[in-house]
C-alpha atoms as a PDB file:
ATOM      1  CA  UNK A   1      -0.410  22.766 197.931  1.00  0.00           C
ATOM      2  CA  UNK A   2      -1.033  19.081 198.681  1.00  0.00           C
ATOM      3  CA  UNK A   3       1.025  15.927 198.329  1.00  0.00           C
ATOM      4  CA  UNK A   4      -0.692  12.655 197.473  1.00  0.00           C
ATOM      5  CA  UNK A   5       0.352   9.094 196.753  1.00  0.00           C
ATOM      6  CA  UNK A   6      -1.072   7.611 193.582  1.00  0.00           C
ATOM      7  CA  UNK A   7      -1.088   4.192 191.980  1.00  0.00           C
ATOM      8  CA  UNK A   8      -0.665   4.043 188.208  1.00  0.00           C
ATOM      9  CA  UNK A   9      -1.571   1.002 186.111  1.00  0.00           C
ATOM     10  CA  UNK A  10      -0.389   0.741 182.524  1.00  0.00           C
ATOM     11  CA  UNK A  11      -1.103  -2.630 180.978  1.00  0.00           C
ATOM     12  CA  UNK A  12       0.345  -5.294 183.260  1.00  0.00           C
ATOM     13  CA  UNK A  13       2.604  -2.808 185.097  1.00  0.00           C
ATOM     14  CA  UNK A  14       1.524  -1.254 188.391  1.00  0.00           C
ATOM     15  CA  UNK A  15       3.570   1.303 190.303  1.00  0.00           C
ATOM     16  CA  UNK A  16       3.231   4.172 192.775  1.00  0.00           C
ATOM     17  CA  UNK A  17       4.121   7.837 192.498  1.00  0.00           C
ATOM     18  CA  UNK A  18       3.922  10.846 194.785  1.00  0.00           C
ATOM     19  CA  UNK A  19       2.769  14.134 193.352  1.00  0.00           C
ATOM     20  CA  UNK A  20       2.509  17.698 194.656  1.00  0.00           C
ATOM     21  CA  UNK A  21      -0.066  20.065 193.218  1.00  0.00           C
ATOM     22  CA  UNK A  22      -2.515  22.780 194.168  1.00  0.00           C
ATOM     23  CA  UNK A  23      -5.295  20.185 194.612  1.00  0.00           C
ATOM     24  CA  UNK A  24      -5.882  16.437 194.620  1.00  0.00           C
ATOM     25  CA  UNK A  25      -7.699  16.725 191.301  1.00  0.00           C
ATOM     26  CA  UNK A  26      -4.709  18.519 189.755  1.00  0.00           C
ATOM     27  CA  UNK A  27      -2.279  15.868 191.068  1.00  0.00           C
ATOM     28  CA  UNK A  28      -4.354  13.075 189.522  1.00  0.00           C
ATOM     29  CA  UNK A  29      -4.586  15.051 186.285  1.00  0.00           C
ATOM     30  CA  UNK A  30      -0.795  15.542 186.168  1.00  0.00           C
ATOM     31  CA  UNK A  31      -0.200  11.827 186.707  1.00  0.00           C
ATOM     32  CA  UNK A  32      -2.665  11.000 183.946  1.00  0.00           C
ATOM     33  CA  UNK A  33      -0.846  13.365 181.591  1.00  0.00           C
ATOM     34  CA  UNK A  34       2.551  11.902 182.501  1.00  0.00           C
ATOM     35  CA  UNK A  35       1.349   8.325 181.997  1.00  0.00           C
ATOM     36  CA  UNK A  36      -1.141   8.545 179.103  1.00  0.00           C
ATOM     37  CA  UNK A  37      -3.294   5.474 178.776  1.00  0.00           C
ATOM     38  CA  UNK A  38      -2.641   4.586 182.401  1.00  0.00           C
ATOM     39  CA  UNK A  39      -5.246   4.258 185.121  1.00  0.00           C
ATOM     40  CA  UNK A  40      -4.519   6.581 188.069  1.00  0.00           C
ATOM     41  CA  UNK A  41      -5.907   5.894 191.547  1.00  0.00           C
ATOM     42  CA  UNK A  42      -5.524   7.856 194.789  1.00  0.00           C
ATOM     43  CA  UNK A  43      -3.818   5.791 197.519  1.00  0.00           C
ATOM     44  CA  UNK A  44      -3.362   8.168 200.444  1.00  0.00           C
ATOM     45  CA  UNK A  45      -5.229  11.263 201.524  1.00  0.00           C
ATOM     46  CA  UNK A  46      -3.850  14.680 200.736  1.00  0.00           C
ATOM     47  CA  UNK A  47      -1.207  16.095 203.026  1.00  0.00           C
ATOM     48  CA  UNK A  48      -0.649  19.858 203.084  1.00  0.00           C
ATOM     49  CA  UNK A  49       2.749  20.960 201.823  1.00  0.00           C
ATOM     50  CA  UNK A  50       4.153  24.310 202.864  1.00  0.00           C
ATOM     51  CA  UNK A  51       6.648  25.043 200.114  1.00  0.00           C
ATOM     52  CA  UNK A  52       7.073  27.525 197.314  1.00  0.00           C
ATOM     53  CA  UNK A  53       6.866  26.373 193.723  1.00  0.00           C
ATOM     54  CA  UNK A  54       4.461  24.688 191.392  1.00  0.00           C
ATOM     55  CA  UNK A  55       3.312  21.163 190.839  1.00  0.00           C
ATOM     56  CA  UNK A  56       5.891  18.393 190.809  1.00  0.00           C
ATOM     57  CA  UNK A  57       6.367  14.673 191.036  1.00  0.00           C
ATOM     58  CA  UNK A  58       8.223  13.902 194.249  1.00  0.00           C
ATOM     59  CA  UNK A  59       9.200  10.368 193.404  1.00  0.00           C
ATOM     60  CA  UNK A  60       8.186   7.861 190.825  1.00  0.00           C
ATOM     61  CA  UNK A  61       8.664   4.153 190.645  1.00  0.00           C
ATOM     62  CA  UNK A  62       9.631   2.722 187.297  1.00  0.00           C
ATOM     63  CA  UNK A  63       6.931   0.736 185.536  1.00  0.00           C
ATOM     64  CA  UNK A  64       6.953  -2.788 186.890  1.00  0.00           C
ATOM     65  CA  UNK A  65       8.521  -1.835 190.214  1.00  0.00           C
ATOM     66  CA  UNK A  66       6.985  -0.955 193.545  1.00  0.00           C
ATOM     67  CA  UNK A  67       8.038   2.405 194.967  1.00  0.00           C
ATOM     68  CA  UNK A  68       6.267   4.066 197.790  1.00  0.00           C
END
């Protein structure tokens, strides 16, 4: 399990999200599915997460805001 910070761009909006998944590729894929039509970019390197459970978004900024 890894946790990564991603930047999502949808039109003029740009915001950051954190995602947990089994791999970096899976986290980027989940963000792309959650924000269809958006451009997803990795911001920070993967950090290992030692927790039970599946993939999840840890926090998400609303479109047009800056969360991080």
